[in-house]
N, C-alpha and C. Protein backbone atom coordinates (compact mmCIF):
# COMPACT_ATOMS: atom_id res chain seq x y z
N MET A 1 -14.25 170.70 246.08
CA MET A 1 -14.49 169.27 246.10
C MET A 1 -13.48 168.54 245.21
N ARG A 2 -13.08 169.10 244.11
CA ARG A 2 -12.17 168.39 243.22
C ARG A 2 -10.79 168.22 243.82
N PHE A 3 -10.38 169.06 244.78
CA PHE A 3 -9.07 168.94 245.41
C PHE A 3 -9.00 167.73 246.33
N ILE A 4 -10.10 167.23 246.78
CA ILE A 4 -10.13 166.07 247.68
C ILE A 4 -9.61 164.83 246.96
N PHE A 5 -9.87 164.71 245.69
CA PHE A 5 -9.51 163.51 244.95
C PHE A 5 -8.08 163.54 244.39
N ARG A 6 -7.46 164.68 244.34
CA ARG A 6 -6.11 164.77 243.77
C ARG A 6 -5.09 163.92 244.52
N PRO A 7 -5.00 163.96 245.84
CA PRO A 7 -4.03 163.10 246.52
C PRO A 7 -4.29 161.63 246.25
N PHE A 8 -5.55 161.25 246.18
CA PHE A 8 -5.88 159.85 245.89
C PHE A 8 -5.43 159.48 244.49
N ALA A 9 -5.65 160.36 243.52
CA ALA A 9 -5.24 160.09 242.14
C ALA A 9 -3.72 159.99 242.04
N LEU A 10 -3.00 160.87 242.72
CA LEU A 10 -1.55 160.82 242.71
C LEU A 10 -1.05 159.53 243.34
N ALA A 11 -1.62 159.15 244.46
CA ALA A 11 -1.23 157.91 245.13
C ALA A 11 -1.50 156.69 244.24
N THR A 12 -2.61 156.71 243.53
CA THR A 12 -2.94 155.61 242.62
C THR A 12 -1.93 155.51 241.49
N LEU A 13 -1.55 156.64 240.90
CA LEU A 13 -0.56 156.64 239.82
C LEU A 13 0.80 156.16 240.32
N LEU A 14 1.22 156.61 241.48
CA LEU A 14 2.50 156.17 242.02
C LEU A 14 2.50 154.68 242.33
N ALA A 15 1.41 154.19 242.86
CA ALA A 15 1.31 152.76 243.16
C ALA A 15 1.35 151.94 241.87
N ALA A 16 0.68 152.41 240.84
CA ALA A 16 0.68 151.69 239.56
C ALA A 16 2.08 151.67 238.96
N ALA A 17 2.81 152.75 239.04
CA ALA A 17 4.17 152.80 238.51
C ALA A 17 5.07 151.85 239.28
N GLY A 18 4.94 151.82 240.59
CA GLY A 18 5.76 150.93 241.41
C GLY A 18 5.41 149.48 241.19
N ALA A 19 4.16 149.18 240.95
CA ALA A 19 3.75 147.79 240.74
C ALA A 19 4.35 147.22 239.47
N GLY A 20 4.59 148.05 238.47
CA GLY A 20 5.17 147.59 237.23
C GLY A 20 6.68 147.56 237.26
N GLY A 21 7.28 147.97 238.36
CA GLY A 21 8.73 147.95 238.47
C GLY A 21 9.38 149.19 237.90
N LEU A 22 8.59 150.18 237.52
CA LEU A 22 9.16 151.39 236.95
C LEU A 22 8.97 152.53 237.94
N ALA A 23 10.02 152.92 238.60
CA ALA A 23 9.98 154.01 239.54
C ALA A 23 10.34 155.30 238.79
N ALA A 24 10.30 156.41 239.50
CA ALA A 24 10.62 157.69 238.89
C ALA A 24 12.06 157.71 238.37
N CYS A 25 12.92 156.88 238.94
CA CYS A 25 14.33 156.84 238.55
C CYS A 25 14.63 155.67 237.63
N GLY A 26 13.67 155.17 236.91
CA GLY A 26 13.90 154.06 236.00
C GLY A 26 13.45 152.74 236.60
N PRO A 27 13.71 151.64 235.88
CA PRO A 27 13.27 150.34 236.36
C PRO A 27 14.05 149.92 237.61
N THR A 28 13.41 149.17 238.47
CA THR A 28 14.08 148.68 239.66
C THR A 28 14.98 147.51 239.30
N GLU A 29 15.95 147.25 240.14
CA GLU A 29 16.87 146.13 239.90
C GLU A 29 16.11 144.82 239.83
N GLN A 30 15.16 144.62 240.73
CA GLN A 30 14.40 143.37 240.73
C GLN A 30 13.56 143.22 239.47
N HIS A 31 12.99 144.32 239.00
CA HIS A 31 12.20 144.27 237.76
C HIS A 31 13.07 143.84 236.58
N VAL A 32 14.26 144.42 236.48
CA VAL A 32 15.17 144.06 235.39
C VAL A 32 15.56 142.59 235.50
N LYS A 33 15.91 142.13 236.70
CA LYS A 33 16.28 140.73 236.90
C LYS A 33 15.14 139.80 236.49
N ASP A 34 13.93 140.14 236.87
CA ASP A 34 12.77 139.31 236.53
C ASP A 34 12.55 139.26 235.02
N GLU A 35 12.67 140.41 234.36
CA GLU A 35 12.48 140.47 232.91
C GLU A 35 13.56 139.68 232.18
N LEU A 36 14.81 139.83 232.62
CA LEU A 36 15.91 139.08 231.99
C LEU A 36 15.73 137.58 232.18
N ALA A 37 15.31 137.16 233.36
CA ALA A 37 15.08 135.74 233.61
C ALA A 37 13.96 135.20 232.72
N ALA A 38 12.90 135.97 232.57
CA ALA A 38 11.78 135.54 231.73
C ALA A 38 12.16 135.49 230.25
N ALA A 39 13.12 136.32 229.84
CA ALA A 39 13.54 136.37 228.44
C ALA A 39 14.59 135.32 228.10
N ASN A 40 15.08 134.60 229.08
CA ASN A 40 16.11 133.58 228.86
C ASN A 40 15.44 132.22 228.70
N TYR A 41 15.09 131.91 227.47
CA TYR A 41 14.49 130.60 227.15
C TYR A 41 14.93 130.20 225.74
N CYS A 42 14.93 128.89 225.50
CA CYS A 42 15.35 128.41 224.18
C CYS A 42 14.94 126.96 224.00
N ALA A 43 14.93 126.55 222.74
CA ALA A 43 14.80 125.14 222.38
C ALA A 43 16.10 124.65 221.76
N VAL A 44 16.80 125.58 221.07
CA VAL A 44 18.10 125.29 220.45
C VAL A 44 19.01 126.51 220.65
N ALA A 45 20.32 126.29 220.57
CA ALA A 45 21.28 127.36 220.82
C ALA A 45 21.14 128.54 219.87
N SER A 46 20.68 128.30 218.66
CA SER A 46 20.55 129.40 217.69
C SER A 46 19.48 130.41 218.11
N GLU A 47 18.66 130.09 219.08
CA GLU A 47 17.66 131.03 219.59
C GLU A 47 18.24 131.96 220.66
N CYS A 48 19.49 131.74 221.05
CA CYS A 48 20.11 132.51 222.12
C CYS A 48 21.04 133.59 221.58
N VAL A 49 21.07 134.73 222.28
CA VAL A 49 21.95 135.82 221.91
C VAL A 49 22.35 136.58 223.17
N SER A 50 23.54 137.16 223.13
CA SER A 50 23.99 138.02 224.23
C SER A 50 23.53 139.44 223.97
N VAL A 51 23.00 140.09 225.00
CA VAL A 51 22.62 141.49 224.89
C VAL A 51 23.64 142.37 225.63
N GLY A 52 24.83 141.80 225.88
CA GLY A 52 25.90 142.56 226.51
C GLY A 52 26.04 142.22 227.97
N SER A 53 26.78 143.05 228.67
CA SER A 53 26.93 142.91 230.11
C SER A 53 26.53 144.22 230.76
N GLN A 54 25.96 144.12 231.91
CA GLN A 54 25.52 145.32 232.62
C GLN A 54 25.50 145.02 234.11
N CYS A 55 26.26 145.76 234.83
CA CYS A 55 26.30 145.62 236.28
C CYS A 55 24.99 146.11 236.86
N PRO A 56 24.35 145.44 237.73
CA PRO A 56 24.74 144.23 238.47
C PRO A 56 24.15 142.95 237.91
N PHE A 57 23.89 142.89 236.61
CA PHE A 57 23.19 141.74 236.03
C PHE A 57 24.11 140.70 235.42
N GLY A 58 25.40 140.95 235.39
CA GLY A 58 26.35 139.94 234.97
C GLY A 58 26.98 140.17 233.62
N CYS A 59 27.95 139.33 233.35
CA CYS A 59 28.63 139.33 232.06
C CYS A 59 27.80 138.53 231.07
N TYR A 60 27.74 138.99 229.86
CA TYR A 60 27.07 138.25 228.80
C TYR A 60 25.65 137.83 229.20
N ILE A 61 24.79 138.80 229.23
CA ILE A 61 23.39 138.55 229.56
C ILE A 61 22.77 137.88 228.35
N LEU A 62 22.33 136.65 228.54
CA LEU A 62 21.82 135.84 227.44
C LEU A 62 20.30 135.78 227.48
N VAL A 63 19.69 135.98 226.31
CA VAL A 63 18.24 135.95 226.18
C VAL A 63 17.86 135.31 224.86
N ASN A 64 16.59 135.02 224.70
CA ASN A 64 16.07 134.54 223.43
C ASN A 64 16.15 135.68 222.41
N VAL A 65 16.51 135.34 221.19
CA VAL A 65 16.69 136.35 220.14
C VAL A 65 15.40 137.17 219.94
N ALA A 66 14.25 136.57 220.15
CA ALA A 66 12.99 137.29 220.00
C ALA A 66 12.80 138.37 221.06
N GLU A 67 13.50 138.25 222.18
CA GLU A 67 13.38 139.20 223.29
C GLU A 67 14.52 140.20 223.33
N ALA A 68 15.52 140.05 222.45
CA ALA A 68 16.76 140.82 222.54
C ALA A 68 16.55 142.33 222.48
N ASP A 69 15.79 142.82 221.54
CA ASP A 69 15.60 144.27 221.41
C ASP A 69 14.95 144.86 222.66
N ALA A 70 13.93 144.20 223.17
CA ALA A 70 13.26 144.69 224.37
C ALA A 70 14.19 144.67 225.57
N MET A 71 15.02 143.64 225.68
CA MET A 71 15.95 143.55 226.82
C MET A 71 17.07 144.59 226.70
N ARG A 72 17.52 144.85 225.49
CA ARG A 72 18.52 145.92 225.30
C ARG A 72 17.94 147.27 225.72
N GLU A 73 16.70 147.51 225.36
CA GLU A 73 16.03 148.76 225.74
C GLU A 73 15.87 148.85 227.25
N LEU A 74 15.50 147.75 227.88
CA LEU A 74 15.37 147.73 229.34
C LEU A 74 16.71 148.01 230.01
N LEU A 75 17.78 147.41 229.51
CA LEU A 75 19.11 147.65 230.07
C LEU A 75 19.56 149.09 229.82
N GLU A 76 19.18 149.65 228.70
CA GLU A 76 19.50 151.05 228.42
C GLU A 76 18.77 151.96 229.40
N ASP A 77 17.51 151.65 229.69
CA ASP A 77 16.75 152.42 230.68
C ASP A 77 17.43 152.34 232.05
N TRP A 78 17.93 151.15 232.39
CA TRP A 78 18.63 150.95 233.65
C TRP A 78 19.90 151.83 233.68
N ARG A 79 20.68 151.80 232.61
CA ARG A 79 21.92 152.58 232.53
C ARG A 79 21.66 154.07 232.62
N ASP A 80 20.58 154.52 232.01
CA ASP A 80 20.29 155.95 231.95
C ASP A 80 19.76 156.52 233.26
N ALA A 81 19.26 155.67 234.14
CA ALA A 81 18.70 156.14 235.41
C ALA A 81 19.84 156.41 236.41
N PRO A 82 19.71 157.44 237.23
CA PRO A 82 20.75 157.72 238.22
C PRO A 82 20.82 156.61 239.26
N ARG A 83 22.01 156.18 239.58
CA ARG A 83 22.23 155.12 240.57
C ARG A 83 23.21 155.62 241.62
N SER A 84 23.05 155.14 242.86
CA SER A 84 23.93 155.59 243.93
C SER A 84 25.21 154.77 244.01
N SER A 85 25.24 153.60 243.40
CA SER A 85 26.45 152.79 243.47
C SER A 85 26.81 152.28 242.08
N GLU A 86 28.06 152.06 241.88
CA GLU A 86 28.57 151.54 240.61
C GLU A 86 29.33 150.25 240.89
N CYS A 87 29.38 149.37 239.93
CA CYS A 87 30.20 148.18 240.06
C CYS A 87 30.80 147.87 238.70
N MET A 88 31.84 147.05 238.71
CA MET A 88 32.52 146.70 237.47
C MET A 88 32.75 145.19 237.45
N TYR A 89 32.76 144.63 236.26
CA TYR A 89 33.05 143.21 236.08
C TYR A 89 34.34 143.04 235.31
N ASP A 90 35.00 141.94 235.55
CA ASP A 90 36.16 141.53 234.76
C ASP A 90 35.71 140.27 234.03
N CYS A 91 35.08 140.45 232.87
CA CYS A 91 34.44 139.36 232.15
C CYS A 91 35.47 138.57 231.33
N VAL A 92 35.33 137.26 231.34
CA VAL A 92 36.17 136.41 230.50
C VAL A 92 35.61 136.44 229.08
N ALA A 93 36.42 136.11 228.12
CA ALA A 93 35.97 136.09 226.74
C ALA A 93 34.91 135.00 226.54
N MET A 94 33.85 135.35 225.82
CA MET A 94 32.80 134.38 225.56
C MET A 94 33.27 133.38 224.51
N THR A 95 32.98 132.11 224.77
CA THR A 95 33.34 131.08 223.80
C THR A 95 32.17 130.85 222.85
N SER A 96 31.10 130.28 223.35
CA SER A 96 29.90 130.08 222.55
C SER A 96 28.71 129.97 223.49
N ILE A 97 27.54 129.98 222.92
CA ILE A 97 26.31 129.93 223.70
C ILE A 97 25.63 128.59 223.46
N GLU A 98 25.13 127.99 224.52
CA GLU A 98 24.41 126.73 224.45
C GLU A 98 22.99 126.91 224.97
N CYS A 99 22.13 125.99 224.59
CA CYS A 99 20.78 125.91 225.16
C CYS A 99 20.76 124.65 226.01
N VAL A 100 20.65 124.83 227.31
CA VAL A 100 20.68 123.71 228.25
C VAL A 100 19.42 123.76 229.11
N ALA A 101 18.63 122.71 229.04
CA ALA A 101 17.39 122.60 229.83
C ALA A 101 16.49 123.81 229.61
N GLY A 102 16.41 124.28 228.36
CA GLY A 102 15.51 125.37 228.03
C GLY A 102 16.02 126.74 228.37
N LYS A 103 17.29 126.86 228.79
CA LYS A 103 17.88 128.16 229.16
C LYS A 103 19.15 128.40 228.36
N CYS A 104 19.37 129.65 227.98
CA CYS A 104 20.59 130.03 227.29
C CYS A 104 21.71 130.18 228.32
N GLN A 105 22.87 129.61 228.00
CA GLN A 105 24.02 129.78 228.89
C GLN A 105 25.29 129.75 228.07
N MET A 106 26.34 130.35 228.66
CA MET A 106 27.63 130.38 227.99
C MET A 106 28.27 129.01 228.13
N ALA A 107 28.86 128.53 227.03
CA ALA A 107 29.52 127.22 227.05
C ALA A 107 30.77 127.31 227.92
N PRO A 108 31.08 126.23 228.62
CA PRO A 108 32.28 126.25 229.48
C PRO A 108 33.56 126.32 228.67
């Protein structure tokens, strides 16, 4: 009788992992994009910091300083997971960071 419930338990665990954006091969691209977007908020420019660049998420990923450590860890998890495709950026030098309409962005 206990073997009947094992496939159900496994399916439940897999569904829960997928719902959180964490697959067996690390976080999904959409999950990372959503987390980075949610972490990009500010009231003043001093609240903004770059957590680096990571393909396919762009050059100079900007987030609120309070979210920086968590976003660096998320990007590290993304880098450490096996991926089937690679991409590269040719990033321009960063000038400064501004807070515009509640979002961190690189100054023109």
